[in-house]
């Protein structure tokens, strides 16, 4: 968790191969899972949010095949509240073209 805005934005661009200036929020967690940093670009500069837990640990996937996962805003809020979103399985999302 030593990286700040410059280090994290370079990590996003070179390692994860994403545009750090795009409409994404990038969340990073330390090994002890008690600290999170979130980085995003807002109009004319980067925003860095840092959260440190005093007692608990963030639920974080240990064995992922991918380095990058996508979360909804609701899932991000749950993650920040300590809910293990990686073990919760919602109903499948359905998509239809017509009601007939």
N, C-alpha and C. Protein backbone atom coordinates (compact mmCIF):
# COMPACT_ATOMS: atom_id res chain seq x y z
N UNK A 1 0.83 -1.20 0.00
CA UNK A 1 0.00 0.00 0.00
C UNK A 1 0.87 1.25 0.00
N UNK A 2 2.05 1.14 -0.51
CA UNK A 2 2.95 2.30 -0.57
C UNK A 2 2.69 3.19 -1.77
N UNK A 3 2.04 2.64 -2.78
CA UNK A 3 1.81 3.43 -3.99
C UNK A 3 0.73 4.48 -3.75
N UNK A 4 0.95 5.63 -4.37
CA UNK A 4 -0.03 6.69 -4.32
C UNK A 4 -0.61 6.87 -5.72
N UNK A 5 -1.05 8.05 -6.06
CA UNK A 5 -1.74 8.28 -7.32
C UNK A 5 -0.87 7.91 -8.52
N UNK A 6 0.35 8.38 -8.56
CA UNK A 6 1.20 8.10 -9.73
C UNK A 6 1.47 6.62 -9.88
N UNK A 7 1.87 5.95 -8.81
CA UNK A 7 2.17 4.52 -8.87
C UNK A 7 0.97 3.68 -9.23
N UNK A 8 -0.18 4.00 -8.66
CA UNK A 8 -1.39 3.23 -8.95
C UNK A 8 -1.87 3.47 -10.38
N UNK A 9 -1.78 4.70 -10.85
CA UNK A 9 -2.23 4.97 -12.22
C UNK A 9 -1.32 4.29 -13.24
N UNK A 10 -0.02 4.21 -12.96
CA UNK A 10 0.90 3.47 -13.84
C UNK A 10 0.58 1.98 -13.80
N UNK A 11 0.27 1.46 -12.63
CA UNK A 11 -0.11 0.05 -12.49
C UNK A 11 -1.37 -0.25 -13.31
N UNK A 12 -2.35 0.64 -13.23
CA UNK A 12 -3.59 0.47 -14.00
C UNK A 12 -3.29 0.44 -15.50
N UNK A 13 -2.45 1.36 -15.94
CA UNK A 13 -2.18 1.49 -17.37
C UNK A 13 -1.27 0.38 -17.91
N UNK A 14 -0.20 0.08 -17.21
CA UNK A 14 0.80 -0.85 -17.75
C UNK A 14 0.55 -2.31 -17.39
N UNK A 15 0.11 -2.59 -16.17
CA UNK A 15 -0.08 -3.99 -15.75
C UNK A 15 -1.49 -4.46 -16.08
N UNK A 16 -2.48 -3.69 -15.68
CA UNK A 16 -3.87 -4.09 -15.92
C UNK A 16 -4.34 -3.75 -17.33
N UNK A 17 -3.61 -2.88 -18.02
CA UNK A 17 -3.91 -2.47 -19.40
C UNK A 17 -5.28 -1.83 -19.54
N UNK A 18 -5.60 -0.93 -18.59
CA UNK A 18 -6.81 -0.13 -18.64
C UNK A 18 -6.43 1.34 -18.75
N UNK A 19 -7.35 2.15 -19.21
CA UNK A 19 -7.14 3.58 -19.29
C UNK A 19 -7.45 4.19 -17.92
N UNK A 20 -6.46 4.71 -17.20
CA UNK A 20 -6.73 5.27 -15.87
C UNK A 20 -7.59 6.53 -15.92
N UNK A 21 -7.72 7.15 -17.11
CA UNK A 21 -8.54 8.34 -17.27
C UNK A 21 -9.97 8.01 -17.68
N UNK A 22 -10.28 6.73 -17.82
CA UNK A 22 -11.62 6.30 -18.22
C UNK A 22 -12.61 6.38 -17.07
N UNK A 23 -13.81 5.93 -17.35
CA UNK A 23 -14.89 5.99 -16.37
C UNK A 23 -14.92 4.73 -15.51
N UNK A 24 -13.80 4.43 -14.88
CA UNK A 24 -13.70 3.26 -14.01
C UNK A 24 -13.17 3.66 -12.65
N UNK A 25 -13.51 2.87 -11.67
CA UNK A 25 -12.98 3.01 -10.32
C UNK A 25 -12.11 1.79 -10.08
N UNK A 26 -10.87 1.99 -9.70
CA UNK A 26 -9.94 0.89 -9.48
C UNK A 26 -9.69 0.76 -7.98
N UNK A 27 -9.94 -0.45 -7.45
CA UNK A 27 -9.80 -0.69 -6.02
C UNK A 27 -8.67 -1.68 -5.79
N UNK A 28 -7.80 -1.34 -4.85
CA UNK A 28 -6.64 -2.16 -4.50
C UNK A 28 -6.70 -2.50 -3.02
N UNK A 29 -6.27 -3.70 -2.67
CA UNK A 29 -6.31 -4.17 -1.28
C UNK A 29 -4.92 -4.67 -0.90
N UNK A 30 -4.53 -4.46 0.38
CA UNK A 30 -3.23 -4.96 0.84
C UNK A 30 -3.34 -6.43 1.24
N UNK A 31 -2.19 -7.05 1.52
CA UNK A 31 -2.16 -8.49 1.84
C UNK A 31 -2.92 -8.82 3.11
N UNK A 32 -2.87 -7.94 4.11
CA UNK A 32 -3.58 -8.20 5.37
C UNK A 32 -5.08 -7.96 5.24
N UNK A 33 -5.49 -7.39 4.11
CA UNK A 33 -6.89 -7.10 3.81
C UNK A 33 -7.53 -6.16 4.81
N UNK A 34 -6.75 -5.26 5.39
CA UNK A 34 -7.33 -4.27 6.30
C UNK A 34 -7.26 -2.85 5.73
N UNK A 35 -6.74 -2.72 4.51
CA UNK A 35 -6.64 -1.41 3.87
C UNK A 35 -7.06 -1.52 2.40
N UNK A 36 -7.79 -0.52 1.95
CA UNK A 36 -8.20 -0.40 0.55
C UNK A 36 -7.83 0.97 0.04
N UNK A 37 -7.46 1.03 -1.23
CA UNK A 37 -7.30 2.30 -1.92
C UNK A 37 -8.14 2.23 -3.18
N UNK A 38 -8.84 3.30 -3.47
CA UNK A 38 -9.65 3.40 -4.68
C UNK A 38 -9.17 4.61 -5.47
N UNK A 39 -8.97 4.42 -6.76
CA UNK A 39 -8.46 5.46 -7.63
C UNK A 39 -9.42 5.66 -8.79
N UNK A 40 -9.74 6.91 -9.08
CA UNK A 40 -10.52 7.22 -10.28
C UNK A 40 -10.22 8.63 -10.75
N UNK A 41 -10.45 8.86 -12.02
CA UNK A 41 -10.26 10.15 -12.65
C UNK A 41 -11.58 10.90 -12.61
N UNK A 42 -11.53 12.15 -12.16
CA UNK A 42 -12.74 12.97 -12.11
C UNK A 42 -12.47 14.31 -12.80
N UNK A 43 -12.93 14.45 -13.97
CA UNK A 43 -12.91 15.65 -14.79
C UNK A 43 -11.53 16.27 -15.00
N UNK A 44 -10.85 16.68 -13.95
CA UNK A 44 -9.58 17.37 -14.14
C UNK A 44 -8.48 16.88 -13.19
N UNK A 45 -8.68 15.72 -12.60
CA UNK A 45 -7.65 15.19 -11.72
C UNK A 45 -8.05 13.85 -11.12
N UNK A 46 -7.04 13.16 -10.58
CA UNK A 46 -7.29 11.87 -9.93
C UNK A 46 -7.82 12.07 -8.52
N UNK A 47 -8.66 11.13 -8.10
CA UNK A 47 -9.15 11.07 -6.73
C UNK A 47 -8.66 9.76 -6.14
N UNK A 48 -8.07 9.84 -4.96
CA UNK A 48 -7.59 8.66 -4.25
C UNK A 48 -8.31 8.57 -2.92
N UNK A 49 -9.00 7.45 -2.70
CA UNK A 49 -9.73 7.22 -1.45
C UNK A 49 -9.02 6.09 -0.72
N UNK A 50 -8.83 6.27 0.57
CA UNK A 50 -8.11 5.28 1.39
C UNK A 50 -8.98 4.92 2.58
N UNK A 51 -9.15 3.63 2.82
CA UNK A 51 -9.92 3.18 3.98
C UNK A 51 -9.10 2.15 4.73
N UNK A 52 -8.95 2.36 6.05
CA UNK A 52 -8.22 1.44 6.90
C UNK A 52 -9.17 0.94 7.99
N UNK A 53 -9.28 -0.38 8.09
CA UNK A 53 -10.10 -0.97 9.13
C UNK A 53 -9.28 -1.12 10.40
N UNK A 54 -9.87 -0.84 11.52
CA UNK A 54 -9.17 -0.92 12.80
C UNK A 54 -9.15 -2.34 13.36
N UNK A 55 -10.18 -3.13 13.03
CA UNK A 55 -10.28 -4.45 13.65
C UNK A 55 -10.50 -5.57 12.64
N UNK A 56 -11.39 -5.39 11.73
CA UNK A 56 -11.81 -6.47 10.83
C UNK A 56 -10.96 -6.53 9.57
N UNK A 57 -11.38 -7.39 8.64
CA UNK A 57 -10.72 -7.57 7.35
C UNK A 57 -11.76 -7.44 6.25
N UNK A 58 -11.32 -6.92 5.11
CA UNK A 58 -12.20 -6.86 3.96
C UNK A 58 -12.32 -8.24 3.34
N UNK A 59 -13.52 -8.65 2.94
CA UNK A 59 -13.62 -9.89 2.18
C UNK A 59 -12.99 -9.65 0.82
N UNK A 60 -12.07 -10.48 0.44
CA UNK A 60 -11.36 -10.30 -0.82
C UNK A 60 -11.08 -11.67 -1.42
N UNK A 61 -11.29 -11.85 -2.70
CA UNK A 61 -11.08 -13.18 -3.29
C UNK A 61 -9.61 -13.57 -3.21
N UNK A 62 -9.36 -14.81 -2.81
CA UNK A 62 -7.99 -15.30 -2.69
C UNK A 62 -7.55 -15.98 -3.97
N UNK A 63 -8.39 -16.85 -4.50
CA UNK A 63 -8.04 -17.61 -5.69
C UNK A 63 -8.87 -17.15 -6.87
N UNK A 64 -8.40 -16.13 -7.54
CA UNK A 64 -9.09 -15.65 -8.73
C UNK A 64 -8.26 -15.98 -9.96
N UNK A 65 -8.93 -16.38 -11.02
CA UNK A 65 -8.22 -16.64 -12.28
C UNK A 65 -7.84 -15.33 -12.97
N UNK A 66 -8.58 -14.28 -12.65
CA UNK A 66 -8.37 -12.99 -13.30
C UNK A 66 -7.85 -11.97 -12.28
N UNK A 67 -7.06 -11.00 -12.78
CA UNK A 67 -6.59 -9.93 -11.92
C UNK A 67 -7.64 -8.85 -11.74
N UNK A 68 -8.57 -8.78 -12.70
CA UNK A 68 -9.57 -7.71 -12.71
C UNK A 68 -10.96 -8.32 -12.61
N UNK A 69 -11.76 -7.78 -11.72
CA UNK A 69 -13.17 -8.17 -11.64
C UNK A 69 -14.00 -6.90 -11.70
N UNK A 70 -15.21 -7.03 -12.19
CA UNK A 70 -16.12 -5.89 -12.28
C UNK A 70 -17.16 -5.98 -11.18
N UNK A 71 -17.43 -4.86 -10.55
CA UNK A 71 -18.44 -4.79 -9.49
C UNK A 71 -19.45 -3.71 -9.83
N UNK A 72 -20.65 -3.89 -9.36
CA UNK A 72 -21.65 -2.83 -9.45
C UNK A 72 -21.41 -1.87 -8.28
N UNK A 73 -22.05 -0.74 -8.33
CA UNK A 73 -21.94 0.21 -7.23
C UNK A 73 -22.45 -0.39 -5.92
N UNK A 74 -23.51 -1.17 -6.02
CA UNK A 74 -24.06 -1.82 -4.83
C UNK A 74 -23.07 -2.82 -4.24
N UNK A 75 -22.41 -3.60 -5.12
CA UNK A 75 -21.43 -4.58 -4.65
C UNK A 75 -20.22 -3.90 -4.00
N UNK A 76 -19.81 -2.76 -4.55
CA UNK A 76 -18.71 -2.01 -3.96
C UNK A 76 -19.08 -1.53 -2.56
N UNK A 77 -20.29 -1.01 -2.42
CA UNK A 77 -20.75 -0.59 -1.09
C UNK A 77 -20.78 -1.76 -0.11
N UNK A 78 -21.24 -2.91 -0.57
CA UNK A 78 -21.26 -4.10 0.29
C UNK A 78 -19.84 -4.48 0.70
N UNK A 79 -18.91 -4.45 -0.27
CA UNK A 79 -17.52 -4.76 0.02
C UNK A 79 -16.97 -3.83 1.10
N UNK A 80 -17.23 -2.54 0.96
CA UNK A 80 -16.75 -1.57 1.95
C UNK A 80 -17.42 -1.75 3.31
N UNK A 81 -18.63 -2.31 3.31
CA UNK A 81 -19.33 -2.59 4.57
C UNK A 81 -18.95 -3.93 5.18
N UNK A 82 -18.13 -4.72 4.47
CA UNK A 82 -17.66 -5.99 5.01
C UNK A 82 -18.46 -7.20 4.60
N UNK A 83 -19.39 -7.04 3.67
CA UNK A 83 -20.18 -8.17 3.20
C UNK A 83 -19.37 -8.93 2.15
N UNK A 84 -19.31 -10.24 2.27
CA UNK A 84 -18.54 -11.06 1.34
C UNK A 84 -19.31 -11.23 0.04
N UNK A 85 -19.07 -10.35 -0.90
CA UNK A 85 -19.80 -10.37 -2.17
C UNK A 85 -19.36 -11.52 -3.06
N UNK A 86 -18.23 -12.14 -2.74
CA UNK A 86 -17.70 -13.20 -3.59
C UNK A 86 -18.35 -14.55 -3.30
N UNK A 87 -19.10 -14.64 -2.20
CA UNK A 87 -19.81 -15.88 -1.91
C UNK A 87 -21.32 -15.72 -2.09
N UNK A 88 -21.78 -14.53 -2.35
CA UNK A 88 -23.20 -14.27 -2.58
C UNK A 88 -23.53 -14.53 -4.04
N UNK A 89 -24.55 -15.29 -4.28
CA UNK A 89 -24.97 -15.61 -5.64
C UNK A 89 -26.40 -15.11 -5.86
N UNK A 90 -26.59 -14.03 -6.62
CA UNK A 90 -27.94 -13.55 -6.88
C UNK A 90 -28.62 -14.38 -7.97
N UNK A 91 -29.90 -14.14 -8.16
CA UNK A 91 -30.61 -14.76 -9.27
C UNK A 91 -29.98 -14.29 -10.57
N UNK A 92 -30.10 -15.10 -11.61
CA UNK A 92 -29.57 -14.71 -12.91
C UNK A 92 -30.33 -13.50 -13.43
N UNK A 93 -29.61 -12.63 -14.10
CA UNK A 93 -30.24 -11.48 -14.73
C UNK A 93 -30.85 -11.93 -16.05
N UNK A 94 -32.11 -11.60 -16.25
CA UNK A 94 -32.82 -11.99 -17.46
C UNK A 94 -32.97 -10.80 -18.39
N UNK A 95 -32.94 -11.07 -19.68
CA UNK A 95 -33.08 -10.02 -20.68
C UNK A 95 -34.01 -10.53 -21.77
N UNK A 96 -35.06 -9.76 -22.03
CA UNK A 96 -36.04 -10.14 -23.05
C UNK A 96 -36.15 -9.04 -24.09
N UNK A 97 -36.61 -9.40 -25.28
CA UNK A 97 -36.80 -8.45 -26.36
C UNK A 97 -38.25 -7.98 -26.44
N UNK A 98 -39.20 -8.81 -25.94
CA UNK A 98 -40.61 -8.48 -26.06
C UNK A 98 -41.38 -9.18 -24.93
N UNK A 99 -42.51 -8.62 -24.58
CA UNK A 99 -43.36 -9.25 -23.57
C UNK A 99 -44.32 -10.26 -24.19
N UNK A 100 -44.39 -10.31 -25.50
CA UNK A 100 -45.29 -11.24 -26.19
C UNK A 100 -44.60 -12.53 -26.51
